[in-house]
N, C-alpha and C. Protein backbone atom coordinates (compact mmCIF):
# COMPACT_ATOMS: atom_id res chain seq x y z
N UNK A 1 136.62 19.10 -105.80
CA UNK A 1 135.38 18.43 -105.47
C UNK A 1 134.52 18.33 -106.72
N UNK A 2 133.76 17.22 -106.85
CA UNK A 2 132.91 17.02 -108.01
C UNK A 2 131.90 18.14 -108.15
N UNK A 3 131.67 18.60 -109.39
CA UNK A 3 130.70 19.66 -109.68
C UNK A 3 129.31 19.23 -109.26
N UNK A 4 128.97 17.96 -109.57
CA UNK A 4 127.64 17.45 -109.22
C UNK A 4 127.45 17.40 -107.71
N UNK A 5 128.51 17.07 -106.99
CA UNK A 5 128.41 17.01 -105.54
C UNK A 5 128.19 18.40 -104.97
N UNK A 6 128.85 19.41 -105.58
CA UNK A 6 128.67 20.80 -105.13
C UNK A 6 127.22 21.23 -105.29
N UNK A 7 126.63 20.89 -106.45
CA UNK A 7 125.27 21.36 -106.76
C UNK A 7 124.21 20.58 -105.98
N UNK A 8 124.32 19.24 -106.03
CA UNK A 8 123.27 18.42 -105.46
C UNK A 8 123.55 17.89 -104.06
N UNK A 9 124.78 18.05 -103.60
CA UNK A 9 125.13 17.48 -102.30
C UNK A 9 125.31 15.99 -102.43
N UNK A 10 125.70 15.33 -101.33
CA UNK A 10 125.91 13.89 -101.36
C UNK A 10 125.45 13.28 -100.06
N UNK A 11 124.85 12.07 -100.15
CA UNK A 11 124.40 11.40 -98.95
C UNK A 11 125.56 10.67 -98.27
N UNK A 12 126.67 10.61 -98.97
CA UNK A 12 127.83 9.89 -98.44
C UNK A 12 128.45 10.65 -97.28
N UNK A 13 129.02 9.91 -96.35
CA UNK A 13 129.73 10.53 -95.22
C UNK A 13 130.99 11.25 -95.68
N UNK A 14 131.43 10.92 -96.90
CA UNK A 14 132.69 11.50 -97.40
C UNK A 14 132.44 12.69 -98.31
N UNK A 15 131.31 13.33 -98.18
CA UNK A 15 130.95 14.41 -99.11
C UNK A 15 131.90 15.60 -99.04
N UNK A 16 132.59 15.76 -97.91
CA UNK A 16 133.50 16.90 -97.78
C UNK A 16 134.87 16.65 -98.35
N UNK A 17 135.16 15.41 -98.78
CA UNK A 17 136.49 15.10 -99.29
C UNK A 17 136.66 15.54 -100.73
N UNK A 18 137.85 16.03 -101.05
CA UNK A 18 138.12 16.41 -102.43
C UNK A 18 138.67 15.21 -103.19
N UNK A 19 138.42 15.18 -104.49
CA UNK A 19 138.95 14.10 -105.32
C UNK A 19 140.46 14.27 -105.45
N UNK A 20 141.19 13.21 -105.20
CA UNK A 20 142.64 13.24 -105.37
C UNK A 20 142.98 12.92 -106.81
N UNK A 21 144.22 13.25 -107.23
CA UNK A 21 144.60 13.02 -108.63
C UNK A 21 144.53 11.54 -108.99
N UNK A 22 144.74 10.66 -108.01
CA UNK A 22 144.66 9.23 -108.27
C UNK A 22 143.24 8.75 -108.52
N UNK A 23 142.26 9.57 -108.16
CA UNK A 23 140.84 9.20 -108.33
C UNK A 23 140.25 9.77 -109.60
N UNK A 24 141.11 10.26 -110.51
CA UNK A 24 140.60 10.81 -111.76
C UNK A 24 139.85 9.75 -112.53
N UNK A 25 138.79 10.15 -113.19
CA UNK A 25 137.99 9.20 -113.97
C UNK A 25 138.80 8.59 -115.09
N UNK A 26 138.40 7.40 -115.52
CA UNK A 26 139.17 6.70 -116.55
C UNK A 26 139.13 7.41 -117.90
N UNK A 27 138.13 8.27 -118.10
CA UNK A 27 138.00 8.97 -119.39
C UNK A 27 138.58 10.38 -119.36
N UNK A 28 139.12 10.77 -118.20
CA UNK A 28 139.76 12.08 -118.10
C UNK A 28 141.08 12.04 -118.87
N UNK A 29 141.45 13.13 -119.55
CA UNK A 29 142.73 13.12 -120.27
C UNK A 29 143.89 13.00 -119.28
N UNK A 30 144.94 12.29 -119.69
CA UNK A 30 146.10 12.12 -118.82
C UNK A 30 146.82 13.45 -118.65
N UNK A 31 147.41 13.62 -117.46
CA UNK A 31 148.21 14.81 -117.22
C UNK A 31 149.52 14.62 -117.98
N UNK A 32 149.83 15.52 -118.93
CA UNK A 32 151.01 15.35 -119.78
C UNK A 32 152.23 15.97 -119.11
N UNK A 33 153.25 15.15 -118.96
CA UNK A 33 154.51 15.61 -118.36
C UNK A 33 155.29 16.45 -119.37
N UNK A 34 156.16 17.34 -118.89
CA UNK A 34 157.01 18.10 -119.81
C UNK A 34 157.86 17.15 -120.66
N UNK A 35 158.22 17.60 -121.85
CA UNK A 35 158.90 16.75 -122.84
C UNK A 35 160.22 16.17 -122.31
N UNK A 36 160.99 16.97 -121.54
CA UNK A 36 162.27 16.47 -121.03
C UNK A 36 162.08 15.39 -119.98
N UNK A 37 161.03 15.53 -119.14
CA UNK A 37 160.74 14.49 -118.15
C UNK A 37 160.31 13.20 -118.81
N UNK A 38 159.49 13.32 -119.87
CA UNK A 38 159.02 12.11 -120.58
C UNK A 38 160.20 11.38 -121.22
N UNK A 39 161.11 12.15 -121.82
CA UNK A 39 162.29 11.51 -122.42
C UNK A 39 163.08 10.77 -121.34
N UNK A 40 163.35 11.44 -120.23
CA UNK A 40 164.16 10.84 -119.16
C UNK A 40 163.54 9.55 -118.64
N UNK A 41 162.23 9.58 -118.38
CA UNK A 41 161.52 8.39 -117.86
C UNK A 41 161.61 7.24 -118.85
N UNK A 42 161.33 7.52 -120.13
CA UNK A 42 161.34 6.46 -121.15
C UNK A 42 162.75 5.94 -121.44
N UNK A 43 163.72 6.85 -121.43
CA UNK A 43 165.11 6.47 -121.66
C UNK A 43 165.60 5.53 -120.56
N UNK A 44 165.31 5.87 -119.30
CA UNK A 44 165.71 5.01 -118.18
C UNK A 44 164.97 3.68 -118.23
N UNK A 45 163.70 3.70 -118.62
CA UNK A 45 162.92 2.45 -118.73
C UNK A 45 163.53 1.53 -119.78
N UNK A 46 164.17 2.10 -120.80
CA UNK A 46 164.84 1.30 -121.84
C UNK A 46 166.18 0.74 -121.37
N UNK A 47 166.63 1.19 -120.18
CA UNK A 47 167.89 0.69 -119.63
C UNK A 47 169.07 1.63 -119.81
N UNK A 48 168.81 2.87 -120.29
CA UNK A 48 169.89 3.82 -120.48
C UNK A 48 170.35 4.46 -119.18
N UNK A 49 171.61 4.91 -119.16
CA UNK A 49 172.17 5.59 -117.99
C UNK A 49 172.32 7.07 -118.34
N UNK A 50 171.77 7.91 -117.48
CA UNK A 50 171.55 9.30 -117.81
C UNK A 50 172.29 10.20 -116.83
N UNK A 51 173.11 11.15 -117.36
CA UNK A 51 173.83 12.10 -116.50
C UNK A 51 173.54 13.51 -117.00
N UNK A 52 172.79 14.26 -116.18
CA UNK A 52 172.43 15.64 -116.53
C UNK A 52 173.57 16.56 -116.12
N UNK A 53 173.99 17.45 -117.02
CA UNK A 53 175.12 18.34 -116.76
C UNK A 53 174.72 19.78 -117.08
N UNK A 54 175.10 20.69 -116.19
CA UNK A 54 174.74 22.10 -116.38
C UNK A 54 175.76 22.85 -117.23
N UNK A 55 176.98 22.31 -117.34
CA UNK A 55 178.02 22.98 -118.13
C UNK A 55 179.02 21.95 -118.64
N UNK A 56 179.95 22.39 -119.48
CA UNK A 56 180.92 21.48 -120.09
C UNK A 56 181.87 20.87 -119.05
N UNK A 57 182.18 21.61 -117.99
CA UNK A 57 183.05 21.05 -116.95
C UNK A 57 182.42 19.81 -116.33
N UNK A 58 181.11 19.85 -116.13
CA UNK A 58 180.40 18.68 -115.59
C UNK A 58 180.42 17.53 -116.59
N UNK A 59 180.34 17.86 -117.89
CA UNK A 59 180.42 16.82 -118.94
C UNK A 59 181.76 16.10 -118.84
N UNK A 60 182.87 16.87 -118.77
CA UNK A 60 184.21 16.29 -118.71
C UNK A 60 184.39 15.47 -117.42
N UNK A 61 183.88 16.00 -116.30
CA UNK A 61 183.98 15.32 -115.00
C UNK A 61 183.25 13.98 -115.05
N UNK A 62 182.02 13.99 -115.57
CA UNK A 62 181.23 12.75 -115.62
C UNK A 62 181.81 11.74 -116.61
N UNK A 63 182.36 12.23 -117.72
CA UNK A 63 183.01 11.33 -118.68
C UNK A 63 184.18 10.60 -118.02
N UNK A 64 184.96 11.35 -117.26
CA UNK A 64 186.10 10.75 -116.56
C UNK A 64 185.63 9.66 -115.59
N UNK A 65 184.54 9.92 -114.89
CA UNK A 65 184.02 8.94 -113.92
C UNK A 65 183.46 7.70 -114.60
N UNK A 66 182.82 7.88 -115.75
CA UNK A 66 182.32 6.71 -116.51
C UNK A 66 183.49 5.82 -116.91
N UNK A 67 184.56 6.45 -117.40
CA UNK A 67 185.74 5.71 -117.84
C UNK A 67 186.39 4.98 -116.67
N UNK A 68 186.51 5.66 -115.51
CA UNK A 68 187.09 5.03 -114.32
C UNK A 68 186.22 3.88 -113.83
N UNK A 69 184.94 4.11 -113.77
CA UNK A 69 183.99 3.11 -113.26
C UNK A 69 184.05 1.81 -114.07
N UNK A 70 184.30 1.93 -115.37
CA UNK A 70 184.32 0.76 -116.25
C UNK A 70 185.73 0.24 -116.56
N UNK A 71 186.75 0.82 -115.92
CA UNK A 71 188.15 0.44 -116.17
C UNK A 71 188.52 0.56 -117.66
N UNK A 72 188.15 1.70 -118.26
CA UNK A 72 188.42 1.93 -119.67
C UNK A 72 189.61 2.88 -119.89
N UNK A 73 190.32 3.22 -118.81
CA UNK A 73 191.39 4.24 -118.91
C UNK A 73 192.45 3.88 -119.96
N UNK A 74 192.79 2.60 -120.03
CA UNK A 74 193.82 2.17 -120.98
C UNK A 74 193.22 1.65 -122.29
N UNK A 75 191.90 1.72 -122.40
CA UNK A 75 191.21 1.20 -123.59
C UNK A 75 191.07 2.30 -124.64
N UNK A 76 190.87 1.89 -125.88
CA UNK A 76 190.75 2.86 -126.97
C UNK A 76 189.29 3.26 -127.19
N UNK A 77 189.12 4.54 -127.57
CA UNK A 77 187.81 5.13 -127.82
C UNK A 77 187.59 5.27 -129.32
N UNK A 78 186.47 4.76 -129.82
CA UNK A 78 186.12 4.99 -131.22
C UNK A 78 185.62 6.42 -131.34
N UNK A 79 186.36 7.25 -132.09
CA UNK A 79 186.01 8.67 -132.28
C UNK A 79 186.01 8.96 -133.77
N UNK A 80 184.81 9.10 -134.34
CA UNK A 80 184.68 9.33 -135.78
C UNK A 80 184.42 10.80 -136.11
N UNK A 81 183.96 11.56 -135.12
CA UNK A 81 183.54 12.95 -135.33
C UNK A 81 184.69 13.91 -134.98
N UNK A 82 185.17 14.67 -135.98
CA UNK A 82 186.30 15.59 -135.77
C UNK A 82 185.96 16.67 -134.74
N UNK A 83 184.73 17.19 -134.79
CA UNK A 83 184.33 18.23 -133.83
C UNK A 83 184.37 17.71 -132.39
N UNK A 84 183.96 16.45 -132.23
CA UNK A 84 183.97 15.82 -130.90
C UNK A 84 185.41 15.59 -130.42
N UNK A 85 186.29 15.24 -131.35
CA UNK A 85 187.72 15.07 -131.00
C UNK A 85 188.26 16.38 -130.43
N UNK A 86 187.91 17.49 -131.08
CA UNK A 86 188.41 18.79 -130.61
C UNK A 86 187.79 19.18 -129.27
N UNK A 87 186.52 18.89 -129.10
CA UNK A 87 185.82 19.24 -127.85
C UNK A 87 186.41 18.49 -126.65
N UNK A 88 186.79 17.21 -126.87
CA UNK A 88 187.29 16.38 -125.77
C UNK A 88 188.81 16.17 -125.85
N UNK A 89 189.49 17.14 -126.45
CA UNK A 89 190.93 17.02 -126.68
C UNK A 89 191.72 16.92 -125.37
N UNK A 90 191.19 17.53 -124.29
CA UNK A 90 191.91 17.52 -123.00
C UNK A 90 191.45 16.39 -122.08
N UNK A 91 190.65 15.47 -122.60
CA UNK A 91 190.13 14.39 -121.76
C UNK A 91 191.00 13.14 -121.75
N UNK A 92 192.18 13.22 -122.36
CA UNK A 92 193.14 12.11 -122.36
C UNK A 92 192.55 10.80 -122.90
N UNK A 93 191.72 10.92 -123.92
CA UNK A 93 191.13 9.72 -124.54
C UNK A 93 192.13 9.13 -125.53
N UNK A 94 192.19 7.82 -125.56
CA UNK A 94 193.02 7.14 -126.56
C UNK A 94 192.15 6.87 -127.78
N UNK A 95 192.05 7.86 -128.64
CA UNK A 95 191.14 7.78 -129.78
C UNK A 95 191.63 6.89 -130.91
N UNK A 96 190.68 6.28 -131.60
CA UNK A 96 190.98 5.48 -132.78
C UNK A 96 189.79 5.57 -133.73
N UNK A 97 190.04 5.33 -135.02
CA UNK A 97 188.91 5.28 -135.95
C UNK A 97 188.68 3.84 -136.43
N UNK A 98 189.34 2.89 -135.74
CA UNK A 98 189.17 1.47 -136.08
C UNK A 98 188.26 0.81 -135.05
N UNK A 99 187.15 0.28 -135.51
CA UNK A 99 186.18 -0.37 -134.61
C UNK A 99 186.81 -1.54 -133.87
N UNK A 100 187.63 -2.32 -134.58
CA UNK A 100 188.21 -3.54 -133.99
C UNK A 100 189.12 -3.25 -132.80
N UNK A 101 189.66 -2.01 -132.72
CA UNK A 101 190.58 -1.66 -131.63
C UNK A 101 189.86 -1.03 -130.44
N UNK A 102 188.60 -0.64 -130.61
CA UNK A 102 187.93 0.19 -129.61
C UNK A 102 187.08 -0.61 -128.62
N UNK A 103 186.97 -0.04 -127.41
CA UNK A 103 186.14 -0.62 -126.35
C UNK A 103 184.82 0.11 -126.24
N UNK A 104 184.85 1.44 -126.45
CA UNK A 104 183.61 2.21 -126.41
C UNK A 104 183.60 3.28 -127.50
N UNK A 105 182.41 3.74 -127.82
CA UNK A 105 182.18 4.70 -128.90
C UNK A 105 181.69 6.01 -128.30
N UNK A 106 182.43 7.09 -128.50
CA UNK A 106 182.01 8.42 -128.05
C UNK A 106 181.42 9.14 -129.26
N UNK A 107 180.16 9.55 -129.15
CA UNK A 107 179.48 10.14 -130.30
C UNK A 107 178.43 11.17 -129.87
N UNK A 108 177.87 11.82 -130.86
CA UNK A 108 176.72 12.69 -130.64
C UNK A 108 175.50 11.96 -131.21
N UNK A 109 174.36 12.64 -131.30
CA UNK A 109 173.18 12.08 -131.97
C UNK A 109 172.43 13.24 -132.62
N UNK A 110 171.44 12.92 -133.42
CA UNK A 110 170.63 13.97 -134.06
C UNK A 110 169.58 14.50 -133.07
N UNK A 111 168.85 13.56 -132.47
CA UNK A 111 167.77 13.94 -131.56
C UNK A 111 167.55 12.90 -130.47
N UNK A 112 166.91 13.35 -129.40
CA UNK A 112 166.46 12.49 -128.31
C UNK A 112 164.94 12.45 -128.42
N UNK A 113 164.36 11.26 -128.52
CA UNK A 113 162.92 11.12 -128.79
C UNK A 113 162.16 10.89 -127.50
N UNK A 114 161.29 11.85 -127.14
CA UNK A 114 160.61 11.81 -125.84
C UNK A 114 159.62 10.66 -125.71
N UNK A 115 158.84 10.38 -126.78
CA UNK A 115 157.73 9.44 -126.59
C UNK A 115 158.15 7.98 -126.46
N UNK A 116 159.42 7.64 -126.79
CA UNK A 116 159.85 6.26 -126.56
C UNK A 116 161.27 6.16 -125.96
N UNK A 117 161.88 7.30 -125.64
CA UNK A 117 163.19 7.28 -124.98
C UNK A 117 164.33 6.79 -125.86
N UNK A 118 164.18 6.92 -127.18
CA UNK A 118 165.22 6.44 -128.10
C UNK A 118 166.11 7.61 -128.56
N UNK A 119 167.21 7.26 -129.23
CA UNK A 119 168.14 8.25 -129.79
C UNK A 119 168.15 8.10 -131.30
N UNK A 120 167.99 9.22 -132.00
CA UNK A 120 167.99 9.23 -133.46
C UNK A 120 169.39 9.57 -133.95
N UNK A 121 169.97 8.67 -134.76
CA UNK A 121 171.32 8.90 -135.28
C UNK A 121 171.32 8.71 -136.79
N UNK A 122 172.35 9.28 -137.44
CA UNK A 122 172.45 9.20 -138.90
C UNK A 122 173.90 8.93 -139.31
N UNK A 123 174.14 9.01 -140.61
CA UNK A 123 175.50 8.84 -141.14
C UNK A 123 176.46 9.93 -140.63
N UNK A 124 175.93 11.02 -140.11
CA UNK A 124 176.80 12.06 -139.53
C UNK A 124 177.54 11.53 -138.31
N UNK A 125 176.90 10.61 -137.58
CA UNK A 125 177.51 10.04 -136.39
C UNK A 125 178.19 8.70 -136.67
N UNK A 126 177.55 7.85 -137.47
CA UNK A 126 178.07 6.48 -137.63
C UNK A 126 178.50 6.16 -139.07
N UNK A 127 178.52 7.19 -139.92
CA UNK A 127 178.88 7.02 -141.34
C UNK A 127 177.99 5.94 -141.94
N UNK A 128 178.55 4.96 -142.60
CA UNK A 128 177.71 3.91 -143.19
C UNK A 128 177.79 2.61 -142.40
N UNK A 129 178.23 2.71 -141.14
CA UNK A 129 178.33 1.52 -140.29
C UNK A 129 176.95 1.08 -139.82
N UNK A 130 176.79 -0.21 -139.61
CA UNK A 130 175.56 -0.74 -139.02
C UNK A 130 175.75 -0.82 -137.50
N UNK A 131 174.65 -0.65 -136.74
CA UNK A 131 174.76 -0.65 -135.28
C UNK A 131 175.46 -1.89 -134.72
N UNK A 132 175.13 -3.10 -135.20
CA UNK A 132 175.82 -4.28 -134.63
C UNK A 132 177.33 -4.29 -134.84
N UNK A 133 177.83 -3.53 -135.83
CA UNK A 133 179.27 -3.48 -136.10
C UNK A 133 180.01 -2.63 -135.06
N UNK A 134 179.29 -1.70 -134.44
CA UNK A 134 179.90 -0.74 -133.51
C UNK A 134 180.07 -1.36 -132.13
N UNK A 135 180.95 -0.79 -131.29
CA UNK A 135 181.14 -1.34 -129.94
C UNK A 135 179.83 -1.39 -129.16
N UNK A 136 179.74 -2.31 -128.21
CA UNK A 136 178.52 -2.45 -127.42
C UNK A 136 178.39 -1.28 -126.44
N UNK A 137 179.51 -0.64 -126.09
CA UNK A 137 179.51 0.48 -125.14
C UNK A 137 179.47 1.82 -125.87
N UNK A 138 178.43 2.61 -125.59
CA UNK A 138 178.27 3.94 -126.19
C UNK A 138 178.29 5.00 -125.09
N UNK A 139 178.96 6.11 -125.36
CA UNK A 139 178.80 7.33 -124.55
C UNK A 139 178.33 8.40 -125.53
N UNK A 140 177.14 8.94 -125.30
CA UNK A 140 176.54 9.91 -126.22
C UNK A 140 176.50 11.28 -125.57
N UNK A 141 177.05 12.27 -126.27
CA UNK A 141 177.00 13.67 -125.82
C UNK A 141 175.86 14.36 -126.57
N UNK A 142 174.90 14.92 -125.82
CA UNK A 142 173.75 15.60 -126.44
C UNK A 142 173.35 16.80 -125.58
N UNK A 143 172.45 17.61 -126.12
CA UNK A 143 171.96 18.80 -125.41
C UNK A 143 170.44 18.75 -125.26
N UNK A 144 169.93 19.48 -124.28
CA UNK A 144 168.49 19.47 -124.02
C UNK A 144 167.68 20.02 -125.20
N UNK A 145 168.28 20.88 -126.01
CA UNK A 145 167.56 21.42 -127.18
C UNK A 145 167.34 20.37 -128.26
N UNK A 146 167.99 19.22 -128.13
CA UNK A 146 167.82 18.15 -129.12
C UNK A 146 166.63 17.23 -128.81
N UNK A 147 165.96 17.47 -127.67
CA UNK A 147 164.81 16.62 -127.32
C UNK A 147 163.61 17.02 -128.18
N UNK A 148 163.03 16.04 -128.86
CA UNK A 148 161.82 16.29 -129.67
C UNK A 148 160.74 15.29 -129.25
N UNK A 149 159.52 15.59 -129.67
CA UNK A 149 158.36 14.78 -129.26
C UNK A 149 158.41 13.35 -129.81
N UNK A 150 158.66 13.21 -131.11
CA UNK A 150 158.61 11.89 -131.73
C UNK A 150 159.59 11.82 -132.91
N UNK A 151 159.69 10.63 -133.51
CA UNK A 151 160.64 10.41 -134.61
C UNK A 151 160.30 11.30 -135.81
N UNK A 152 159.01 11.46 -136.09
CA UNK A 152 158.57 12.31 -137.21
C UNK A 152 159.12 13.72 -137.09
N UNK A 153 159.05 14.27 -135.88
CA UNK A 153 159.56 15.63 -135.64
C UNK A 153 161.08 15.67 -135.83
N UNK A 154 161.75 14.62 -135.39
CA UNK A 154 163.20 14.53 -135.56
C UNK A 154 163.59 14.47 -137.03
N UNK A 155 162.86 13.66 -137.80
CA UNK A 155 163.15 13.53 -139.24
C UNK A 155 162.91 14.84 -139.98
N UNK A 156 161.85 15.56 -139.60
CA UNK A 156 161.58 16.87 -140.23
C UNK A 156 162.72 17.85 -139.93
N UNK A 157 163.24 17.78 -138.69
CA UNK A 157 164.37 18.64 -138.30
C UNK A 157 165.62 18.33 -139.09
N UNK A 158 165.89 17.03 -139.30
CA UNK A 158 167.07 16.61 -140.08
C UNK A 158 166.94 17.14 -141.50
N UNK A 159 165.74 17.02 -142.07
CA UNK A 159 165.50 17.47 -143.45
C UNK A 159 165.67 18.98 -143.59
N UNK A 160 165.15 19.75 -142.62
CA UNK A 160 165.22 21.21 -142.71
C UNK A 160 166.64 21.72 -142.48
N UNK A 161 167.44 21.02 -141.66
CA UNK A 161 168.81 21.46 -141.39
C UNK A 161 169.78 21.06 -142.50
N UNK A 162 169.40 20.07 -143.30
CA UNK A 162 170.31 19.54 -144.32
C UNK A 162 169.66 19.55 -145.69
N UNK A 163 169.19 20.72 -146.13
CA UNK A 163 168.45 20.82 -147.39
C UNK A 163 169.31 20.43 -148.60
N UNK A 164 170.61 20.73 -148.52
CA UNK A 164 171.50 20.41 -149.64
C UNK A 164 171.72 18.91 -149.79
N UNK A 165 171.97 18.27 -148.64
CA UNK A 165 172.25 16.82 -148.67
C UNK A 165 171.74 16.19 -147.38
N UNK A 166 170.66 15.43 -147.48
CA UNK A 166 170.07 14.78 -146.31
C UNK A 166 170.94 13.58 -145.93
N UNK A 167 171.30 13.46 -144.63
CA UNK A 167 172.13 12.32 -144.22
C UNK A 167 171.44 10.99 -144.51
N UNK A 168 172.25 9.98 -144.77
CA UNK A 168 171.72 8.63 -144.99
C UNK A 168 171.87 7.83 -143.69
N UNK A 169 171.59 6.54 -143.77
CA UNK A 169 171.79 5.62 -142.64
C UNK A 169 171.09 6.13 -141.37
N UNK A 170 169.85 6.57 -141.51
CA UNK A 170 169.08 7.09 -140.36
C UNK A 170 168.50 5.92 -139.58
N UNK A 171 168.77 5.90 -138.27
CA UNK A 171 168.26 4.81 -137.43
C UNK A 171 168.07 5.31 -135.99
N UNK A 172 167.44 4.49 -135.17
CA UNK A 172 167.31 4.83 -133.75
C UNK A 172 167.94 3.74 -132.90
N UNK A 173 168.45 4.15 -131.74
CA UNK A 173 168.91 3.19 -130.73
C UNK A 173 167.89 3.28 -129.60
N UNK A 174 167.31 2.15 -129.26
CA UNK A 174 166.27 2.16 -128.22
C UNK A 174 166.54 1.16 -127.10
N UNK A 175 167.31 0.13 -127.37
CA UNK A 175 167.52 -0.92 -126.37
C UNK A 175 168.90 -0.77 -125.75
N UNK A 176 168.90 -0.53 -124.42
CA UNK A 176 170.15 -0.27 -123.72
C UNK A 176 170.46 -1.34 -122.68
N UNK A 177 169.84 -2.51 -122.84
CA UNK A 177 170.12 -3.63 -121.95
C UNK A 177 170.44 -4.82 -122.82
N UNK A 178 171.62 -5.39 -122.67
CA UNK A 178 171.92 -6.59 -123.45
C UNK A 178 171.07 -7.73 -122.90
N UNK A 179 170.56 -8.53 -123.79
CA UNK A 179 169.71 -9.65 -123.37
C UNK A 179 168.31 -9.24 -123.02
N UNK A 180 167.94 -7.96 -123.29
CA UNK A 180 166.58 -7.51 -122.98
C UNK A 180 165.59 -8.21 -123.88
N UNK A 181 164.40 -8.46 -123.33
CA UNK A 181 163.36 -9.12 -124.12
C UNK A 181 162.91 -8.17 -125.22
N UNK A 182 162.84 -8.67 -126.44
CA UNK A 182 162.49 -7.81 -127.58
C UNK A 182 161.18 -8.25 -128.20
N UNK A 183 160.48 -7.29 -128.78
CA UNK A 183 159.25 -7.62 -129.48
C UNK A 183 159.53 -7.64 -130.99
N UNK A 184 158.49 -7.90 -131.76
CA UNK A 184 158.64 -8.01 -133.22
C UNK A 184 159.23 -6.75 -133.83
N UNK A 185 158.80 -5.56 -133.34
CA UNK A 185 159.27 -4.30 -133.93
C UNK A 185 160.75 -4.05 -133.68
N UNK A 186 161.29 -4.65 -132.62
CA UNK A 186 162.70 -4.42 -132.32
C UNK A 186 163.60 -5.53 -132.86
N UNK A 187 163.02 -6.46 -133.63
CA UNK A 187 163.80 -7.57 -134.17
C UNK A 187 164.95 -7.04 -135.04
N UNK A 188 166.14 -7.57 -134.81
CA UNK A 188 167.29 -7.16 -135.61
C UNK A 188 168.01 -5.94 -135.07
N UNK A 189 167.46 -5.27 -134.05
CA UNK A 189 168.14 -4.11 -133.50
C UNK A 189 169.22 -4.57 -132.53
N UNK A 190 170.17 -3.71 -132.26
CA UNK A 190 171.33 -4.08 -131.46
C UNK A 190 171.30 -3.36 -130.12
N UNK A 191 171.28 -4.12 -129.02
CA UNK A 191 171.26 -3.51 -127.68
C UNK A 191 172.63 -2.92 -127.38
N UNK A 192 172.65 -1.72 -126.78
CA UNK A 192 173.90 -1.07 -126.44
C UNK A 192 173.91 -0.69 -124.96
N UNK A 193 175.09 -0.81 -124.35
CA UNK A 193 175.30 -0.32 -122.99
C UNK A 193 175.57 1.18 -123.13
N UNK A 194 174.56 2.01 -122.86
CA UNK A 194 174.63 3.41 -123.28
C UNK A 194 174.56 4.39 -122.11
N UNK A 195 175.52 5.32 -122.11
CA UNK A 195 175.54 6.44 -121.17
C UNK A 195 175.21 7.70 -121.96
N UNK A 196 174.33 8.53 -121.41
CA UNK A 196 173.99 9.80 -122.04
C UNK A 196 174.48 10.95 -121.19
N UNK A 197 175.38 11.77 -121.75
CA UNK A 197 175.83 13.00 -121.10
C UNK A 197 175.00 14.13 -121.70
N UNK A 198 174.04 14.61 -120.92
CA UNK A 198 173.08 15.61 -121.43
C UNK A 198 173.40 16.99 -120.90
N UNK A 199 173.74 17.89 -121.80
CA UNK A 199 174.11 19.26 -121.43
C UNK A 199 172.90 20.18 -121.53
N UNK A 200 172.65 20.94 -120.47
CA UNK A 200 171.56 21.93 -120.47
C UNK A 200 171.97 23.11 -121.33
N UNK A 201 171.18 23.37 -122.39
CA UNK A 201 171.52 24.52 -123.25
C UNK A 201 170.29 25.37 -123.55
N UNK A 202 169.22 25.20 -122.77
CA UNK A 202 168.01 26.01 -123.00
C UNK A 202 167.84 27.06 -121.91
């Protein structure tokens, strides 16, 4: 209930009603959602497909379903990351390191950016390839500890983790709908059909 109404009373018939959250004043600060919720909302708004997993078995199960759903069982997977090859060695993927032969790209990312729902990637994931050169279909394996507030925080993290040699080719993927309407800032970026397999590790 309003403080002024408590002190001075109100002539209105509705004086006993409490203010609902929807009636907050326009100058009141917004209620800030937790960082993981903000990322999820913004990521989905960008057109991304999101699968939350509590353990690695759920990651493997969901990966299998993505492949079945898209009829990719006989298609080749672009796999550039040796660690990822070892992690998914039992998933019966037909791996290749040739872009021209692949239907989808299985990769990791550096960070998940909460304030705009984008994914931060570097040469560790895509080497010196440009996004338009890579397959239109992405499956990204990431963990909840990789969610950061904004790109600046992600870049600081990359710098602190790689003091000897900072990765090159740093970029973000933000558009997950082909043919999506783009603004000036997104000019030249490449839309990807993207699935995110997010593992809880916090």
